[in-house]
Amino acid sequence: MGILQSLREVPGFLAFTVIFVLAFVREQKLAYISIALMGLGVMVTGLVEINMTFYLATIVMSIGFHYFETISSSLTLQWIEKIRQRSF
């Protein structure tokens, strides 16, 4: 369990690399990719039979989760501002 939790947190430490990825990919497209990675990791987790595959699926899921959590608040603020401008 310790190995799994350690591997799961590595992408959390690397979440600052979102800034570099955003230089090449638009923010909304990165959110879609992150959600797809997270879903893929969760899906593969249910199908694995070997520990190494389980670890790999956990890392993929964690990368998707941490990247999405990093940019989700920015995307939310962008949409809230547009909604407020329309209602007034």
PDB file of N, CA and C in Angstrom:
ATOM      1  N   MET A   1       0.821  -1.185   0.000  1.00  0.00           N
ATOM      2  CA  MET A   1       0.000   0.000   0.000  1.00  0.00           C
ATOM      3  C   MET A   1       0.870   1.256   0.000  1.00  0.00           C
ATOM      4  N   GLY A   2       1.988   1.204   0.666  1.00  0.00           N
ATOM      5  CA  GLY A   2       2.890   2.350   0.705  1.00  0.00           C
ATOM      6  C   GLY A   2       3.461   2.691  -0.659  1.00  0.00           C
ATOM      7  N   ILE A   3       3.810   1.667  -1.430  1.00  0.00           N
ATOM      8  CA  ILE A   3       4.335   1.897  -2.784  1.00  0.00           C
ATOM      9  C   ILE A   3       3.256   2.558  -3.640  1.00  0.00           C
ATOM     10  N   LEU A   4       2.044   2.064  -3.554  1.00  0.00           N
ATOM     11  CA  LEU A   4       0.948   2.614  -4.349  1.00  0.00           C
ATOM     12  C   LEU A   4       0.703   4.082  -4.012  1.00  0.00           C
ATOM     13  N   GLN A   5       0.654   4.424  -2.740  1.00  0.00           N
ATOM     14  CA  GLN A   5       0.407   5.808  -2.338  1.00  0.00           C
ATOM     15  C   GLN A   5       1.568   6.716  -2.731  1.00  0.00           C
ATOM     16  N   SER A   6       2.784   6.198  -2.661  1.00  0.00           N
ATOM     17  CA  SER A   6       3.944   6.992  -3.069  1.00  0.00           C
ATOM     18  C   SER A   6       3.890   7.297  -4.558  1.00  0.00           C
ATOM     19  N   LEU A   7       3.566   6.299  -5.361  1.00  0.00           N
ATOM     20  CA  LEU A   7       3.480   6.510  -6.805  1.00  0.00           C
ATOM     21  C   LEU A   7       2.330   7.435  -7.173  1.00  0.00           C
ATOM     22  N   ARG A   8       1.266   7.365  -6.416  1.00  0.00           N
ATOM     23  CA  ARG A   8       0.100   8.203  -6.698  1.00  0.00           C
ATOM     24  C   ARG A   8       0.379   9.679  -6.468  1.00  0.00           C
ATOM     25  N   GLU A   9       1.264   9.984  -5.557  1.00  0.00           N
ATOM     26  CA  GLU A   9       1.543  11.379  -5.220  1.00  0.00           C
ATOM     27  C   GLU A   9       2.611  12.026  -6.090  1.00  0.00           C
ATOM     28  N   VAL A  10       3.368  11.258  -6.830  1.00  0.00           N
ATOM     29  CA  VAL A  10       4.416  11.838  -7.689  1.00  0.00           C
ATOM     30  C   VAL A  10       3.830  12.831  -8.694  1.00  0.00           C
ATOM     31  N   PRO A  11       2.746  12.511  -9.414  1.00  0.00           N
ATOM     32  CA  PRO A  11       2.178  13.521 -10.317  1.00  0.00           C
ATOM     33  C   PRO A  11       1.680  14.768  -9.585  1.00  0.00           C
ATOM     34  N   GLY A  12       1.319  14.636  -8.327  1.00  0.00           N
ATOM     35  CA  GLY A  12       0.918  15.804  -7.550  1.00  0.00           C
ATOM     36  C   GLY A  12       2.063  16.775  -7.363  1.00  0.00           C
ATOM     37  N   PHE A  13       3.258  16.243  -7.158  1.00  0.00           N
ATOM     38  CA  PHE A  13       4.432  17.104  -7.045  1.00  0.00           C
ATOM     39  C   PHE A  13       4.783  17.741  -8.392  1.00  0.00           C
ATOM     40  N   LEU A  14       4.431  17.078  -9.475  1.00  0.00           N
ATOM     41  CA  LEU A  14       4.752  17.583 -10.806  1.00  0.00           C
ATOM     42  C   LEU A  14       3.612  18.388 -11.429  1.00  0.00           C
ATOM     43  N   ALA A  15       2.621  18.745 -10.653  1.00  0.00           N
ATOM     44  CA  ALA A  15       1.468  19.482 -11.185  1.00  0.00           C
ATOM     45  C   ALA A  15       1.862  20.860 -11.701  1.00  0.00           C
ATOM     46  N   PHE A  16       2.983  21.395 -11.261  1.00  0.00           N
ATOM     47  CA  PHE A  16       3.417  22.699 -11.763  1.00  0.00           C
ATOM     48  C   PHE A  16       3.803  22.646 -13.239  1.00  0.00           C
ATOM     49  N   THR A  17       4.006  21.449 -13.789  1.00  0.00           N
ATOM     50  CA  THR A  17       4.347  21.335 -15.207  1.00  0.00           C
ATOM     51  C   THR A  17       3.163  21.680 -16.110  1.00  0.00           C
ATOM     52  N   VAL A  18       1.989  21.895 -15.515  1.00  0.00           N
ATOM     53  CA  VAL A  18       0.827  22.327 -16.290  1.00  0.00           C
ATOM     54  C   VAL A  18       1.151  23.630 -17.020  1.00  0.00           C
ATOM     55  N   ILE A  19       1.921  24.487 -16.396  1.00  0.00           N
ATOM     56  CA  ILE A  19       2.279  25.769 -17.007  1.00  0.00           C
ATOM     57  C   ILE A  19       3.003  25.544 -18.325  1.00  0.00           C
ATOM     58  N   PHE A  20       3.911  24.574 -18.350  1.00  0.00           N
ATOM     59  CA  PHE A  20       4.650  24.294 -19.570  1.00  0.00           C
ATOM     60  C   PHE A  20       3.770  23.638 -20.628  1.00  0.00           C
ATOM     61  N   VAL A  21       2.862  22.791 -20.209  1.00  0.00           N
ATOM     62  CA  VAL A  21       1.955  22.130 -21.149  1.00  0.00           C
ATOM     63  C   VAL A  21       1.009  23.149 -21.773  1.00  0.00           C
ATOM     64  N   LEU A  22       0.588  24.148 -20.990  1.00  0.00           N
ATOM     65  CA  LEU A  22      -0.331  25.163 -21.506  1.00  0.00           C
ATOM     66  C   LEU A  22       0.316  26.035 -22.582  1.00  0.00           C
ATOM     67  N   ALA A  23       1.634  26.003 -22.697  1.00  0.00           N
ATOM     68  CA  ALA A  23       2.297  26.725 -23.772  1.00  0.00           C
ATOM     69  C   ALA A  23       2.008  26.084 -25.127  1.00  0.00           C
ATOM     70  N   PHE A  24       1.612  24.805 -25.122  1.00  0.00           N
ATOM     71  CA  PHE A  24       1.386  24.080 -26.368  1.00  0.00           C
ATOM     72  C   PHE A  24      -0.070  23.687 -26.594  1.00  0.00           C
ATOM     73  N   VAL A  25      -0.854  23.615 -25.520  1.00  0.00           N
ATOM     74  CA  VAL A  25      -2.234  23.128 -25.604  1.00  0.00           C
ATOM     75  C   VAL A  25      -3.152  24.157 -24.948  1.00  0.00           C
ATOM     76  N   ARG A  26      -4.313  24.389 -25.542  1.00  0.00           N
ATOM     77  CA  ARG A  26      -5.277  25.296 -24.924  1.00  0.00           C
ATOM     78  C   ARG A  26      -5.804  24.714 -23.624  1.00  0.00           C
ATOM     79  N   GLU A  27      -6.239  25.586 -22.743  1.00  0.00           N
ATOM     80  CA  GLU A  27      -6.639  25.169 -21.396  1.00  0.00           C
ATOM     81  C   GLU A  27      -7.836  24.221 -21.401  1.00  0.00           C
ATOM     82  N   GLN A  28      -8.825  24.508 -22.219  1.00  0.00           N
ATOM     83  CA  GLN A  28     -10.006  23.651 -22.243  1.00  0.00           C
ATOM     84  C   GLN A  28      -9.678  22.277 -22.832  1.00  0.00           C
ATOM     85  N   LYS A  29      -8.838  22.247 -23.849  1.00  0.00           N
ATOM     86  CA  LYS A  29      -8.446  20.968 -24.438  1.00  0.00           C
ATOM     87  C   LYS A  29      -7.647  20.146 -23.428  1.00  0.00           C
ATOM     88  N   LEU A  30      -6.803  20.803 -22.632  1.00  0.00           N
ATOM     89  CA  LEU A  30      -6.049  20.104 -21.597  1.00  0.00           C
ATOM     90  C   LEU A  30      -6.989  19.526 -20.540  1.00  0.00           C
ATOM     91  N   ALA A  31      -8.062  20.240 -20.240  1.00  0.00           N
ATOM     92  CA  ALA A  31      -9.044  19.716 -19.279  1.00  0.00           C
ATOM     93  C   ALA A  31      -9.695  18.448 -19.819  1.00  0.00           C
ATOM     94  N   TYR A  32     -10.044  18.449 -21.108  1.00  0.00           N
ATOM     95  CA  TYR A  32     -10.631  17.245 -21.712  1.00  0.00           C
ATOM     96  C   TYR A  32      -9.642  16.083 -21.682  1.00  0.00           C
ATOM     97  N   ILE A  33      -8.398  16.356 -22.014  1.00  0.00           N
ATOM     98  CA  ILE A  33      -7.377  15.306 -22.011  1.00  0.00           C
ATOM     99  C   ILE A  33      -7.174  14.776 -20.598  1.00  0.00           C
ATOM    100  N   SER A  34      -7.160  15.667 -19.617  1.00  0.00           N
ATOM    101  CA  SER A  34      -6.968  15.257 -18.224  1.00  0.00           C
ATOM    102  C   SER A  34      -8.108  14.373 -17.737  1.00  0.00           C
ATOM    103  N   ILE A  35      -9.330  14.742 -18.083  1.00  0.00           N
ATOM    104  CA  ILE A  35     -10.475  13.924 -17.679  1.00  0.00           C
ATOM    105  C   ILE A  35     -10.419  12.558 -18.357  1.00  0.00           C
ATOM    106  N   ALA A  36      -9.998  12.543 -19.624  1.00  0.00           N
ATOM    107  CA  ALA A  36      -9.876  11.264 -20.330  1.00  0.00           C
ATOM    108  C   ALA A  36      -8.800  10.387 -19.698  1.00  0.00           C
ATOM    109  N   LEU A  37      -7.664  10.991 -19.312  1.00  0.00           N
ATOM    110  CA  LEU A  37      -6.609  10.220 -18.638  1.00  0.00           C
ATOM    111  C   LEU A  37      -7.096   9.666 -17.308  1.00  0.00           C
ATOM    112  N   MET A  38      -7.811  10.497 -16.565  1.00  0.00           N
ATOM    113  CA  MET A  38      -8.318  10.043 -15.280  1.00  0.00           C
ATOM    114  C   MET A  38      -9.304   8.888 -15.469  1.00  0.00           C
ATOM    115  N   GLY A  39     -10.190   9.007 -16.433  1.00  0.00           N
ATOM    116  CA  GLY A  39     -11.146   7.939 -16.706  1.00  0.00           C
ATOM    117  C   GLY A  39     -10.478   6.670 -17.199  1.00  0.00           C
ATOM    118  N   LEU A  40      -9.458   6.828 -18.044  1.00  0.00           N
ATOM    119  CA  LEU A  40      -8.722   5.667 -18.541  1.00  0.00           C
ATOM    120  C   LEU A  40      -8.025   4.934 -17.400  1.00  0.00           C
ATOM    121  N   GLY A  41      -7.415   5.697 -16.498  1.00  0.00           N
ATOM    122  CA  GLY A  41      -6.743   5.082 -15.352  1.00  0.00           C
ATOM    123  C   GLY A  41      -7.703   4.333 -14.454  1.00  0.00           C
ATOM    124  N   VAL A  42      -8.865   4.918 -14.213  1.00  0.00           N
ATOM    125  CA  VAL A  42      -9.867   4.251 -13.377  1.00  0.00           C
ATOM    126  C   VAL A  42     -10.387   2.994 -14.072  1.00  0.00           C
ATOM    127  N   MET A  43     -10.613   3.067 -15.384  1.00  0.00           N
ATOM    128  CA  MET A  43     -11.117   1.917 -16.126  1.00  0.00           C
ATOM    129  C   MET A  43     -10.106   0.764 -16.116  1.00  0.00           C
ATOM    130  N   VAL A  44      -8.850   1.082 -16.354  1.00  0.00           N
ATOM    131  CA  VAL A  44      -7.817   0.039 -16.402  1.00  0.00           C
ATOM    132  C   VAL A  44      -7.618  -0.579 -15.019  1.00  0.00           C
ATOM    133  N   THR A  45      -7.813   0.205 -13.966  1.00  0.00           N
ATOM    134  CA  THR A  45      -7.657  -0.314 -12.605  1.00  0.00           C
ATOM    135  C   THR A  45      -8.571  -1.512 -12.362  1.00  0.00           C
ATOM    136  N   GLY A  46      -9.758  -1.485 -12.921  1.00  0.00           N
ATOM    137  CA  GLY A  46     -10.694  -2.600 -12.724  1.00  0.00           C
ATOM    138  C   GLY A  46     -10.369  -3.832 -13.552  1.00  0.00           C
ATOM    139  N   LEU A  47      -9.472  -3.705 -14.520  1.00  0.00           N
ATOM    140  CA  LEU A  47      -9.175  -4.807 -15.415  1.00  0.00           C
ATOM    141  C   LEU A  47      -7.827  -5.476 -15.172  1.00  0.00           C
ATOM    142  N   VAL A  48      -7.030  -4.957 -14.260  1.00  0.00           N
ATOM    143  CA  VAL A  48      -5.659  -5.440 -14.096  1.00  0.00           C
ATOM    144  C   VAL A  48      -5.604  -6.725 -13.289  1.00  0.00           C
ATOM    145  N   GLU A  49      -4.531  -7.467 -13.552  1.00  0.00           N
ATOM    146  CA  GLU A  49      -4.281  -8.690 -12.797  1.00  0.00           C
ATOM    147  C   GLU A  49      -2.890  -8.703 -12.180  1.00  0.00           C
ATOM    148  N   ILE A  50      -2.030  -7.786 -12.600  1.00  0.00           N
ATOM    149  CA  ILE A  50      -0.648  -7.742 -12.135  1.00  0.00           C
ATOM    150  C   ILE A  50      -0.432  -6.434 -11.380  1.00  0.00           C
ATOM    151  N   ASN A  51       0.399  -6.470 -10.349  1.00  0.00           N
ATOM    152  CA  ASN A  51       0.658  -5.272  -9.556  1.00  0.00           C
ATOM    153  C   ASN A  51       1.255  -4.137 -10.379  1.00  0.00           C
ATOM    154  N   MET A  52       2.188  -4.446 -11.281  1.00  0.00           N
ATOM    155  CA  MET A  52       2.832  -3.392 -12.066  1.00  0.00           C
ATOM    156  C   MET A  52       1.820  -2.657 -12.948  1.00  0.00           C
ATOM    157  N   THR A  53       0.861  -3.362 -13.509  1.00  0.00           N
ATOM    158  CA  THR A  53      -0.180  -2.732 -14.316  1.00  0.00           C
ATOM    159  C   THR A  53      -1.075  -1.869 -13.434  1.00  0.00           C
ATOM    160  N   PHE A  54      -1.324  -2.335 -12.241  1.00  0.00           N
ATOM    161  CA  PHE A  54      -2.108  -1.551 -11.280  1.00  0.00           C
ATOM    162  C   PHE A  54      -1.389  -0.253 -10.930  1.00  0.00           C
ATOM    163  N   TYR A  55      -0.088  -0.336 -10.717  1.00  0.00           N
ATOM    164  CA  TYR A  55       0.693   0.866 -10.426  1.00  0.00           C
ATOM    165  C   TYR A  55       0.673   1.836 -11.601  1.00  0.00           C
ATOM    166  N   LEU A  56       0.816   1.323 -12.813  1.00  0.00           N
ATOM    167  CA  LEU A  56       0.796   2.163 -13.998  1.00  0.00           C
ATOM    168  C   LEU A  56      -0.565   2.836 -14.175  1.00  0.00           C
ATOM    169  N   ALA A  57      -1.633   2.095 -13.967  1.00  0.00           N
ATOM    170  CA  ALA A  57      -2.981   2.664 -14.066  1.00  0.00           C
ATOM    171  C   ALA A  57      -3.192   3.745 -13.018  1.00  0.00           C
ATOM    172  N   THR A  58      -2.656   3.543 -11.840  1.00  0.00           N
ATOM    173  CA  THR A  58      -2.781   4.540 -10.775  1.00  0.00           C
ATOM    174  C   THR A  58      -2.030   5.812 -11.127  1.00  0.00           C
ATOM    175  N   ILE A  59      -0.863   5.682 -11.740  1.00  0.00           N
ATOM    176  CA  ILE A  59      -0.093   6.857 -12.144  1.00  0.00           C
ATOM    177  C   ILE A  59      -0.829   7.630 -13.231  1.00  0.00           C
ATOM    178  N   VAL A  60      -1.389   6.925 -14.217  1.00  0.00           N
ATOM    179  CA  VAL A  60      -2.146   7.585 -15.291  1.00  0.00           C
ATOM    180  C   VAL A  60      -3.348   8.317 -14.716  1.00  0.00           C
ATOM    181  N   MET A  61      -4.074   7.672 -13.820  1.00  0.00           N
ATOM    182  CA  MET A  61      -5.226   8.297 -13.191  1.00  0.00           C
ATOM    183  C   MET A  61      -4.816   9.526 -12.382  1.00  0.00           C
ATOM    184  N   SER A  62      -3.706   9.427 -11.681  1.00  0.00           N
ATOM    185  CA  SER A  62      -3.245  10.523 -10.848  1.00  0.00           C
ATOM    186  C   SER A  62      -2.784  11.715 -11.684  1.00  0.00           C
ATOM    187  N   ILE A  63      -2.147  11.454 -12.819  1.00  0.00           N
ATOM    188  CA  ILE A  63      -1.743  12.554 -13.706  1.00  0.00           C
ATOM    189  C   ILE A  63      -2.979  13.295 -14.193  1.00  0.00           C
ATOM    190  N   GLY A  64      -3.974  12.562 -14.633  1.00  0.00           N
ATOM    191  CA  GLY A  64      -5.209  13.196 -15.084  1.00  0.00           C
ATOM    192  C   GLY A  64      -5.879  13.997 -13.989  1.00  0.00           C
ATOM    193  N   PHE A  65      -5.955  13.430 -12.804  1.00  0.00           N
ATOM    194  CA  PHE A  65      -6.604  14.115 -11.689  1.00  0.00           C
ATOM    195  C   PHE A  65      -5.871  15.395 -11.307  1.00  0.00           C
ATOM    196  N   HIS A  66      -4.561  15.309 -11.129  1.00  0.00           N
ATOM    197  CA  HIS A  66      -3.817  16.477 -10.676  1.00  0.00           C
ATOM    198  C   HIS A  66      -3.773  17.582 -11.729  1.00  0.00           C
ATOM    199  N   TYR A  67      -3.678  17.220 -12.996  1.00  0.00           N
ATOM    200  CA  TYR A  67      -3.707  18.245 -14.044  1.00  0.00           C
ATOM    201  C   TYR A  67      -5.085  18.903 -14.102  1.00  0.00           C
ATOM    202  N   PHE A  68      -6.151  18.108 -13.999  1.00  0.00           N
ATOM    203  CA  PHE A  68      -7.488  18.686 -14.050  1.00  0.00           C
ATOM    204  C   PHE A  68      -7.750  19.586 -12.849  1.00  0.00           C
ATOM    205  N   GLU A  69      -7.370  19.147 -11.681  1.00  0.00           N
ATOM    206  CA  GLU A  69      -7.588  19.967 -10.481  1.00  0.00           C
ATOM    207  C   GLU A  69      -6.812  21.280 -10.546  1.00  0.00           C
ATOM    208  N   THR A  70      -5.664  21.263 -11.198  1.00  0.00           N
ATOM    209  CA  THR A  70      -4.864  22.478 -11.307  1.00  0.00           C
ATOM    210  C   THR A  70      -5.544  23.526 -12.180  1.00  0.00           C
ATOM    211  N   ILE A  71      -6.178  23.109 -13.257  1.00  0.00           N
ATOM    212  CA  ILE A  71      -6.764  24.080 -14.184  1.00  0.00           C
ATOM    213  C   ILE A  71      -8.268  24.263 -14.016  1.00  0.00           C
ATOM    214  N   SER A  72      -8.915  23.450 -13.220  1.00  0.00           N
ATOM    215  CA  SER A  72     -10.379  23.534 -13.115  1.00  0.00           C
ATOM    216  C   SER A  72     -10.843  24.856 -12.505  1.00  0.00           C
ATOM    217  N   SER A  73     -10.137  25.361 -11.517  1.00  0.00           N
ATOM    218  CA  SER A  73     -10.581  26.623 -10.910  1.00  0.00           C
ATOM    219  C   SER A  73     -10.429  27.784 -11.886  1.00  0.00           C
ATOM    220  N   SER A  74      -9.387  27.762 -12.692  1.00  0.00           N
ATOM    221  CA  SER A  74      -9.206  28.809 -13.698  1.00  0.00           C
ATOM    222  C   SER A  74     -10.322  28.765 -14.738  1.00  0.00           C
ATOM    223  N   LEU A  75     -10.654  27.568 -15.188  1.00  0.00           N
ATOM    224  CA  LEU A  75     -11.742  27.440 -16.152  1.00  0.00           C
ATOM    225  C   LEU A  75     -13.076  27.863 -15.544  1.00  0.00           C
ATOM    226  N   THR A  76     -13.297  27.535 -14.300  1.00  0.00           N
ATOM    227  CA  THR A  76     -14.533  27.927 -13.623  1.00  0.00           C
ATOM    228  C   THR A  76     -14.648  29.443 -13.544  1.00  0.00           C
ATOM    229  N   LEU A  77     -13.568  30.103 -13.193  1.00  0.00           N
ATOM    230  CA  LEU A  77     -13.596  31.567 -13.101  1.00  0.00           C
ATOM    231  C   LEU A  77     -13.829  32.209 -14.466  1.00  0.00           C
ATOM    232  N   GLN A  78     -13.294  31.614 -15.510  1.00  0.00           N
ATOM    233  CA  GLN A  78     -13.523  32.149 -16.850  1.00  0.00           C
ATOM    234  C   GLN A  78     -14.995  32.063 -17.219  1.00  0.00           C
ATOM    235  N   TRP A  79     -15.650  30.950 -16.916  1.00  0.00           N
ATOM    236  CA  TRP A  79     -17.052  30.785 -17.275  1.00  0.00           C
ATOM    237  C   TRP A  79     -17.965  31.617 -16.390  1.00  0.00           C
ATOM    238  N   ILE A  80     -17.638  31.745 -15.114  1.00  0.00           N
ATOM    239  CA  ILE A  80     -18.480  32.551 -14.213  1.00  0.00           C
ATOM    240  C   ILE A  80     -18.510  33.996 -14.682  1.00  0.00           C
ATOM    241  N   GLU A  81     -17.393  34.525 -15.081  1.00  0.00           N
ATOM    242  CA  GLU A  81     -17.333  35.907 -15.530  1.00  0.00           C
ATOM    243  C   GLU A  81     -18.210  36.120 -16.764  1.00  0.00           C
ATOM    244  N   LYS A  82     -18.213  35.189 -17.681  1.00  0.00           N
ATOM    245  CA  LYS A  82     -19.045  35.316 -18.879  1.00  0.00           C
ATOM    246  C   LYS A  82     -20.528  35.244 -18.533  1.00  0.00           C
ATOM    247  N   ILE A  83     -20.892  34.403 -17.597  1.00  0.00           N
ATOM    248  CA  ILE A  83     -22.295  34.275 -17.198  1.00  0.00           C
ATOM    249  C   ILE A  83     -22.757  35.549 -16.511  1.00  0.00           C
ATOM    250  N   ARG A  84     -21.949  36.124 -15.656  1.00  0.00           N
ATOM    251  CA  ARG A  84     -22.329  37.352 -14.953  1.00  0.00           C
ATOM    252  C   ARG A  84     -22.504  38.516 -15.924  1.00  0.00           C
ATOM    253  N   GLN A  85     -21.683  38.605 -16.929  1.00  0.00           N
ATOM    254  CA  GLN A  85     -21.800  39.689 -17.890  1.00  0.00           C
ATOM    255  C   GLN A  85     -23.089  39.574 -18.701  1.00  0.00           C
ATOM    256  N   ARG A  86     -23.510  38.376 -18.991  1.00  0.00           N
ATOM    257  CA  ARG A  86     -24.731  38.183 -19.773  1.00  0.00           C
ATOM    258  C   ARG A  86     -25.977  38.515 -18.962  1.00  0.00           C
ATOM    259  N   SER A  87     -25.960  38.268 -17.663  1.00  0.00           N
ATOM    260  CA  SER A  87     -27.173  38.431 -16.870  1.00  0.00           C
ATOM    261  C   SER A  87     -27.466  39.890 -16.544  1.00  0.00           C
ATOM    262  N   PHE A  88     -26.490  40.766 -16.648  1.00  0.00           N
ATOM    263  CA  PHE A  88     -26.728  42.167 -16.295  1.00  0.00           C
ATOM    264  C   PHE A  88     -27.108  42.969 -17.482  1.00  0.00           C
TER     265      PHE A  88
END
